[in-house]
Amino acid sequence: MDAIGIAASALNMHQAWLNSISDNIANINDARNPSQNAFQAQYLVANEVAGNQGVAVTGVEHGSAAGKLVYDPTNPVASSTGYVRMPDIDLGEQMSQLIMAQRGFEANANVVDRAKTMYQSALQIGRNS
């Protein structure tokens, strides 16, 4: 059952990755007053579980709180000079990360399915002997 356990840990990690990316994309247009910190993107840190027993999220790193200043005098949170602080998040990079996380999730779901089928076949062989 090691294959299922390891793949399940990877499914959990990929789900957390997808959630993090979704949060980053949802807040990509989060404008704040320049006196405040910008929304900070979340980047997960994943590491191997001791003894080759899978993978786990071991931390979260955050993007720049400085973000980028954008001139938008019509924004309700703009400063008196017309600037707002926007997150420094690249949508193209986030979409690439989203595709990788999705494909990793799908691959590990297939591993769980194939391992389950293999274990069921092994049990069937044992019954027929």
N, C-alpha and C. Protein backbone atom coordinates (compact mmCIF):
# COMPACT_ATOMS: atom_id res chain seq x y z
N MET A 1 0.81 -1.21 0.00
CA MET A 1 0.00 0.00 0.00
C MET A 1 0.85 1.27 0.00
N ASP A 2 2.17 1.14 -0.09
CA ASP A 2 3.04 2.31 -0.09
C ASP A 2 2.74 3.23 -1.27
N ALA A 3 2.48 2.66 -2.43
CA ALA A 3 2.23 3.49 -3.62
C ALA A 3 1.02 4.38 -3.42
N ILE A 4 -0.03 3.84 -2.83
CA ILE A 4 -1.24 4.63 -2.61
C ILE A 4 -0.97 5.73 -1.58
N GLY A 5 -0.26 5.42 -0.51
CA GLY A 5 0.05 6.40 0.52
C GLY A 5 0.92 7.53 0.00
N ILE A 6 1.93 7.19 -0.78
CA ILE A 6 2.83 8.21 -1.34
C ILE A 6 2.08 9.09 -2.33
N ALA A 7 1.29 8.46 -3.21
CA ALA A 7 0.51 9.24 -4.18
C ALA A 7 -0.54 10.10 -3.47
N ALA A 8 -1.12 9.60 -2.39
CA ALA A 8 -2.11 10.38 -1.64
C ALA A 8 -1.45 11.61 -1.01
N SER A 9 -0.23 11.46 -0.53
CA SER A 9 0.46 12.62 0.04
C SER A 9 0.72 13.66 -1.05
N ALA A 10 1.05 13.20 -2.24
CA ALA A 10 1.26 14.11 -3.36
C ALA A 10 -0.05 14.77 -3.78
N LEU A 11 -1.16 14.04 -3.72
CA LEU A 11 -2.46 14.64 -4.01
C LEU A 11 -2.76 15.78 -3.04
N ASN A 12 -2.49 15.56 -1.77
CA ASN A 12 -2.71 16.60 -0.76
C ASN A 12 -1.83 17.82 -1.03
N MET A 13 -0.57 17.58 -1.38
CA MET A 13 0.35 18.68 -1.67
C MET A 13 -0.12 19.46 -2.89
N HIS A 14 -0.52 18.75 -3.95
CA HIS A 14 -0.98 19.43 -5.17
C HIS A 14 -2.28 20.19 -4.92
N GLN A 15 -3.15 19.66 -4.07
CA GLN A 15 -4.38 20.38 -3.74
C GLN A 15 -4.06 21.68 -3.01
N ALA A 16 -3.11 21.63 -2.08
CA ALA A 16 -2.69 22.85 -1.37
C ALA A 16 -2.07 23.84 -2.35
N TRP A 17 -1.29 23.33 -3.31
CA TRP A 17 -0.67 24.18 -4.32
C TRP A 17 -1.74 24.88 -5.17
N LEU A 18 -2.74 24.10 -5.60
CA LEU A 18 -3.84 24.67 -6.38
C LEU A 18 -4.59 25.74 -5.58
N ASN A 19 -4.81 25.50 -4.29
CA ASN A 19 -5.48 26.48 -3.45
C ASN A 19 -4.67 27.77 -3.33
N SER A 20 -3.36 27.63 -3.19
CA SER A 20 -2.47 28.78 -3.08
C SER A 20 -2.49 29.61 -4.36
N ILE A 21 -2.41 28.93 -5.49
CA ILE A 21 -2.45 29.62 -6.79
C ILE A 21 -3.79 30.32 -6.98
N SER A 22 -4.87 29.65 -6.61
CA SER A 22 -6.20 30.25 -6.73
C SER A 22 -6.30 31.53 -5.92
N ASP A 23 -5.74 31.50 -4.72
CA ASP A 23 -5.75 32.69 -3.86
C ASP A 23 -4.94 33.82 -4.50
N ASN A 24 -3.78 33.47 -5.06
CA ASN A 24 -2.95 34.49 -5.73
C ASN A 24 -3.69 35.13 -6.90
N ILE A 25 -4.32 34.30 -7.72
CA ILE A 25 -5.04 34.81 -8.90
C ILE A 25 -6.25 35.64 -8.47
N ALA A 26 -6.95 35.20 -7.43
CA ALA A 26 -8.13 35.93 -6.97
C ALA A 26 -7.77 37.32 -6.45
N ASN A 27 -6.55 37.49 -5.97
CA ASN A 27 -6.15 38.77 -5.39
C ASN A 27 -5.21 39.58 -6.28
N ILE A 28 -5.11 39.21 -7.54
CA ILE A 28 -4.16 39.87 -8.45
C ILE A 28 -4.50 41.34 -8.67
N ASN A 29 -5.75 41.71 -8.54
CA ASN A 29 -6.17 43.11 -8.74
C ASN A 29 -6.55 43.79 -7.43
N ASP A 30 -6.01 43.31 -6.33
CA ASP A 30 -6.31 43.85 -5.01
C ASP A 30 -5.53 45.15 -4.80
N ALA A 31 -6.19 46.27 -5.05
CA ALA A 31 -5.55 47.58 -4.91
C ALA A 31 -5.64 48.05 -3.46
N ARG A 32 -4.55 48.61 -2.97
CA ARG A 32 -4.52 49.15 -1.61
C ARG A 32 -3.89 50.53 -1.65
N ASN A 33 -4.15 51.29 -0.60
CA ASN A 33 -3.54 52.60 -0.46
C ASN A 33 -2.03 52.41 -0.37
N PRO A 34 -1.24 53.31 -0.96
CA PRO A 34 0.22 53.17 -0.92
C PRO A 34 0.81 53.10 0.49
N SER A 35 0.08 53.55 1.49
CA SER A 35 0.59 53.48 2.86
C SER A 35 0.46 52.07 3.44
N GLN A 36 -0.23 51.19 2.74
CA GLN A 36 -0.43 49.80 3.19
C GLN A 36 0.44 48.85 2.38
N ASN A 37 0.64 47.65 2.93
CA ASN A 37 1.35 46.61 2.20
C ASN A 37 0.45 46.04 1.11
N ALA A 38 1.05 45.64 0.02
CA ALA A 38 0.32 44.98 -1.07
C ALA A 38 -0.01 43.55 -0.64
N PHE A 39 -1.01 42.97 -1.31
CA PHE A 39 -1.29 41.55 -1.09
C PHE A 39 -0.02 40.78 -1.42
N GLN A 40 0.34 39.83 -0.58
CA GLN A 40 1.55 39.05 -0.79
C GLN A 40 1.18 37.67 -1.32
N ALA A 41 1.69 37.36 -2.50
CA ALA A 41 1.46 36.05 -3.09
C ALA A 41 2.01 34.97 -2.18
N GLN A 42 1.37 33.81 -2.22
CA GLN A 42 1.80 32.67 -1.40
C GLN A 42 2.49 31.64 -2.30
N TYR A 43 3.64 31.18 -1.85
CA TYR A 43 4.38 30.14 -2.55
C TYR A 43 4.68 29.02 -1.56
N LEU A 44 4.16 27.83 -1.85
CA LEU A 44 4.33 26.71 -0.92
C LEU A 44 5.72 26.13 -1.00
N VAL A 45 6.18 25.64 0.15
CA VAL A 45 7.45 24.92 0.24
C VAL A 45 7.09 23.48 0.56
N ALA A 46 7.48 22.56 -0.31
CA ALA A 46 7.19 21.14 -0.12
C ALA A 46 8.50 20.38 0.01
N ASN A 47 8.49 19.39 0.88
CA ASN A 47 9.68 18.56 1.09
C ASN A 47 9.27 17.10 1.23
N GLU A 48 10.24 16.25 1.01
CA GLU A 48 10.04 14.81 1.15
C GLU A 48 9.78 14.47 2.61
N VAL A 49 8.85 13.55 2.84
CA VAL A 49 8.60 13.03 4.17
C VAL A 49 9.69 12.01 4.46
N ALA A 50 10.21 11.99 5.67
CA ALA A 50 11.32 11.09 6.04
C ALA A 50 11.00 9.64 5.65
N GLY A 51 12.00 8.97 5.15
CA GLY A 51 11.86 7.56 4.79
C GLY A 51 11.14 7.32 3.48
N ASN A 52 11.21 8.27 2.57
CA ASN A 52 10.55 8.14 1.27
C ASN A 52 9.08 7.77 1.39
N GLN A 53 8.39 8.43 2.30
CA GLN A 53 6.97 8.14 2.53
C GLN A 53 6.06 9.18 1.91
N GLY A 54 6.57 9.95 0.98
CA GLY A 54 5.73 10.91 0.29
C GLY A 54 6.28 12.32 0.39
N VAL A 55 5.37 13.25 0.29
CA VAL A 55 5.73 14.67 0.27
C VAL A 55 4.73 15.42 1.16
N ALA A 56 5.19 16.53 1.72
CA ALA A 56 4.31 17.34 2.57
C ALA A 56 4.66 18.82 2.40
N VAL A 57 3.66 19.65 2.58
CA VAL A 57 3.89 21.09 2.57
C VAL A 57 4.50 21.43 3.92
N THR A 58 5.69 22.02 3.89
CA THR A 58 6.40 22.33 5.13
C THR A 58 6.47 23.82 5.44
N GLY A 59 5.96 24.64 4.55
CA GLY A 59 5.98 26.07 4.81
C GLY A 59 5.37 26.86 3.68
N VAL A 60 5.28 28.15 3.92
CA VAL A 60 4.75 29.07 2.92
C VAL A 60 5.69 30.28 2.87
N GLU A 61 6.11 30.61 1.67
CA GLU A 61 6.89 31.83 1.47
C GLU A 61 5.96 32.86 0.84
N HIS A 62 6.20 34.11 1.16
CA HIS A 62 5.34 35.18 0.66
C HIS A 62 6.09 36.08 -0.30
N GLY A 63 5.35 36.62 -1.26
CA GLY A 63 5.92 37.57 -2.21
C GLY A 63 6.16 38.92 -1.55
N SER A 64 6.52 39.87 -2.34
CA SER A 64 6.88 41.20 -1.88
C SER A 64 5.67 41.96 -1.32
N ALA A 65 5.85 42.52 -0.13
CA ALA A 65 4.81 43.37 0.46
C ALA A 65 4.83 44.76 -0.19
N ALA A 66 5.94 45.10 -0.82
CA ALA A 66 6.04 46.41 -1.48
C ALA A 66 5.17 46.46 -2.73
N GLY A 67 5.00 45.32 -3.39
CA GLY A 67 4.19 45.29 -4.60
C GLY A 67 4.70 46.28 -5.63
N LYS A 68 3.78 46.91 -6.33
CA LYS A 68 4.15 47.94 -7.32
C LYS A 68 3.15 49.08 -7.24
N LEU A 69 3.67 50.26 -7.40
CA LEU A 69 2.80 51.44 -7.40
C LEU A 69 2.26 51.67 -8.81
N VAL A 70 0.96 51.89 -8.89
CA VAL A 70 0.29 52.09 -10.17
C VAL A 70 -0.52 53.38 -10.08
N TYR A 71 -0.42 54.18 -11.11
CA TYR A 71 -1.19 55.43 -11.15
C TYR A 71 -2.62 55.12 -11.56
N ASP A 72 -3.56 55.33 -10.62
CA ASP A 72 -4.97 55.08 -10.88
C ASP A 72 -5.80 56.05 -10.02
N PRO A 73 -5.87 57.31 -10.43
CA PRO A 73 -6.54 58.33 -9.60
C PRO A 73 -8.04 58.10 -9.41
N THR A 74 -8.66 57.25 -10.24
CA THR A 74 -10.09 56.99 -10.09
C THR A 74 -10.39 55.90 -9.07
N ASN A 75 -9.37 55.21 -8.61
CA ASN A 75 -9.57 54.14 -7.63
C ASN A 75 -9.92 54.76 -6.28
N PRO A 76 -10.93 54.23 -5.58
CA PRO A 76 -11.34 54.82 -4.31
C PRO A 76 -10.28 54.75 -3.20
N VAL A 77 -9.30 53.86 -3.32
CA VAL A 77 -8.26 53.76 -2.29
C VAL A 77 -6.98 54.50 -2.69
N ALA A 78 -7.01 55.22 -3.79
CA ALA A 78 -5.83 55.92 -4.27
C ALA A 78 -5.40 57.02 -3.30
N SER A 79 -4.11 57.26 -3.28
CA SER A 79 -3.57 58.34 -2.44
C SER A 79 -3.92 59.68 -3.05
N SER A 80 -3.56 60.74 -2.36
CA SER A 80 -3.85 62.09 -2.87
C SER A 80 -3.11 62.36 -4.19
N THR A 81 -2.02 61.62 -4.44
CA THR A 81 -1.28 61.78 -5.70
C THR A 81 -1.80 60.84 -6.80
N GLY A 82 -2.80 60.00 -6.46
CA GLY A 82 -3.43 59.14 -7.46
C GLY A 82 -2.84 57.75 -7.60
N TYR A 83 -1.98 57.36 -6.68
CA TYR A 83 -1.34 56.04 -6.78
C TYR A 83 -2.01 55.01 -5.87
N VAL A 84 -1.99 53.75 -6.32
CA VAL A 84 -2.43 52.61 -5.51
C VAL A 84 -1.30 51.58 -5.48
N ARG A 85 -1.30 50.75 -4.45
CA ARG A 85 -0.30 49.69 -4.35
C ARG A 85 -0.95 48.39 -4.79
N MET A 86 -0.36 47.78 -5.82
CA MET A 86 -0.89 46.54 -6.39
C MET A 86 0.07 45.39 -6.08
N PRO A 87 -0.45 44.17 -6.01
CA PRO A 87 0.44 43.02 -5.79
C PRO A 87 1.39 42.83 -6.97
N ASP A 88 2.55 42.35 -6.67
CA ASP A 88 3.54 42.06 -7.71
C ASP A 88 3.39 40.59 -8.12
N ILE A 89 2.27 40.29 -8.78
CA ILE A 89 1.95 38.92 -9.19
C ILE A 89 1.85 38.89 -10.70
N ASP A 90 2.55 37.95 -11.32
CA ASP A 90 2.53 37.78 -12.77
C ASP A 90 1.49 36.72 -13.12
N LEU A 91 0.43 37.12 -13.80
CA LEU A 91 -0.65 36.20 -14.14
C LEU A 91 -0.16 35.06 -15.01
N GLY A 92 0.74 35.33 -15.95
CA GLY A 92 1.27 34.27 -16.81
C GLY A 92 2.00 33.21 -16.00
N GLU A 93 2.79 33.65 -15.03
CA GLU A 93 3.51 32.70 -14.17
C GLU A 93 2.52 31.89 -13.34
N GLN A 94 1.50 32.54 -12.81
CA GLN A 94 0.51 31.83 -12.00
C GLN A 94 -0.26 30.81 -12.84
N MET A 95 -0.57 31.15 -14.07
CA MET A 95 -1.28 30.21 -14.94
C MET A 95 -0.39 29.00 -15.28
N SER A 96 0.90 29.24 -15.48
CA SER A 96 1.84 28.13 -15.73
C SER A 96 1.91 27.23 -14.51
N GLN A 97 1.98 27.84 -13.33
CA GLN A 97 2.00 27.06 -12.09
C GLN A 97 0.70 26.26 -11.93
N LEU A 98 -0.41 26.88 -12.31
CA LEU A 98 -1.71 26.21 -12.22
C LEU A 98 -1.74 24.96 -13.09
N ILE A 99 -1.22 25.06 -14.30
CA ILE A 99 -1.19 23.90 -15.21
C ILE A 99 -0.32 22.79 -14.63
N MET A 100 0.86 23.16 -14.09
CA MET A 100 1.75 22.15 -13.51
C MET A 100 1.10 21.48 -12.30
N ALA A 101 0.45 22.26 -11.45
CA ALA A 101 -0.19 21.69 -10.26
C ALA A 101 -1.35 20.78 -10.66
N GLN A 102 -2.11 21.20 -11.65
CA GLN A 102 -3.23 20.39 -12.12
C GLN A 102 -2.75 19.07 -12.71
N ARG A 103 -1.73 19.13 -13.52
CA ARG A 103 -1.20 17.89 -14.14
C ARG A 103 -0.57 16.97 -13.10
N GLY A 104 0.09 17.56 -12.11
CA GLY A 104 0.64 16.74 -11.03
C GLY A 104 -0.46 16.05 -10.24
N PHE A 105 -1.53 16.79 -9.99
CA PHE A 105 -2.67 16.21 -9.28
C PHE A 105 -3.26 15.05 -10.08
N GLU A 106 -3.48 15.27 -11.37
CA GLU A 106 -4.04 14.23 -12.23
C GLU A 106 -3.13 13.00 -12.30
N ALA A 107 -1.83 13.22 -12.41
CA ALA A 107 -0.89 12.10 -12.48
C ALA A 107 -0.94 11.26 -11.21
N ASN A 108 -0.99 11.91 -10.06
CA ASN A 108 -1.03 11.17 -8.81
C ASN A 108 -2.38 10.49 -8.59
N ALA A 109 -3.45 11.09 -9.08
CA ALA A 109 -4.76 10.43 -9.01
C ALA A 109 -4.73 9.16 -9.86
N ASN A 110 -4.06 9.20 -11.01
CA ASN A 110 -3.92 8.02 -11.85
C ASN A 110 -3.07 6.95 -11.16
N VAL A 111 -2.04 7.36 -10.44
CA VAL A 111 -1.21 6.40 -9.70
C VAL A 111 -2.06 5.68 -8.66
N VAL A 112 -2.88 6.42 -7.93
CA VAL A 112 -3.74 5.80 -6.92
C VAL A 112 -4.68 4.81 -7.59
N ASP A 113 -5.27 5.20 -8.70
CA ASP A 113 -6.20 4.32 -9.41
C ASP A 113 -5.51 3.05 -9.92
N ARG A 114 -4.31 3.20 -10.51
CA ARG A 114 -3.59 2.04 -11.03
C ARG A 114 -3.11 1.12 -9.91
N ALA A 115 -2.66 1.71 -8.81
CA ALA A 115 -2.21 0.90 -7.67
C ALA A 115 -3.39 0.12 -7.09
N LYS A 116 -4.53 0.77 -6.99
CA LYS A 116 -5.73 0.09 -6.48
C LYS A 116 -6.09 -1.09 -7.37
N THR A 117 -6.06 -0.89 -8.68
CA THR A 117 -6.35 -1.96 -9.64
C THR A 117 -5.34 -3.10 -9.50
N MET A 118 -4.06 -2.73 -9.35
CA MET A 118 -3.02 -3.75 -9.20
C MET A 118 -3.22 -4.57 -7.93
N TYR A 119 -3.54 -3.91 -6.82
CA TYR A 119 -3.76 -4.62 -5.55
C TYR A 119 -4.99 -5.51 -5.64
N GLN A 120 -6.03 -5.04 -6.31
CA GLN A 120 -7.23 -5.86 -6.49
C GLN A 120 -6.92 -7.09 -7.34
N SER A 121 -6.11 -6.93 -8.38
CA SER A 121 -5.72 -8.07 -9.22
C SER A 121 -4.91 -9.07 -8.42
N ALA A 122 -4.01 -8.59 -7.60
CA ALA A 122 -3.20 -9.48 -6.77
C ALA A 122 -4.07 -10.27 -5.80
N LEU A 123 -5.08 -9.63 -5.23
CA LEU A 123 -5.99 -10.32 -4.34
C LEU A 123 -6.81 -11.38 -5.08
N GLN A 124 -7.20 -11.05 -6.30
CA GLN A 124 -7.96 -11.99 -7.12
C GLN A 124 -7.12 -13.21 -7.46
N ILE A 125 -5.84 -13.02 -7.77
CA ILE A 125 -4.93 -14.14 -8.06
C ILE A 125 -4.82 -15.02 -6.82
N GLY A 126 -4.71 -14.38 -5.65
CA GLY A 126 -4.61 -15.14 -4.40
C GLY A 126 -5.86 -15.96 -4.12
N ARG A 127 -7.03 -15.47 -4.49
CA ARG A 127 -8.28 -16.21 -4.29
C ARG A 127 -8.39 -17.41 -5.23
N ASN A 128 -7.84 -17.23 -6.43
CA ASN A 128 -7.94 -18.30 -7.44
C ASN A 128 -6.92 -19.42 -7.22
N SER A 129 -5.93 -19.18 -6.36
CA SER A 129 -4.89 -20.21 -6.15
C SER A 129 -5.34 -21.31 -5.24
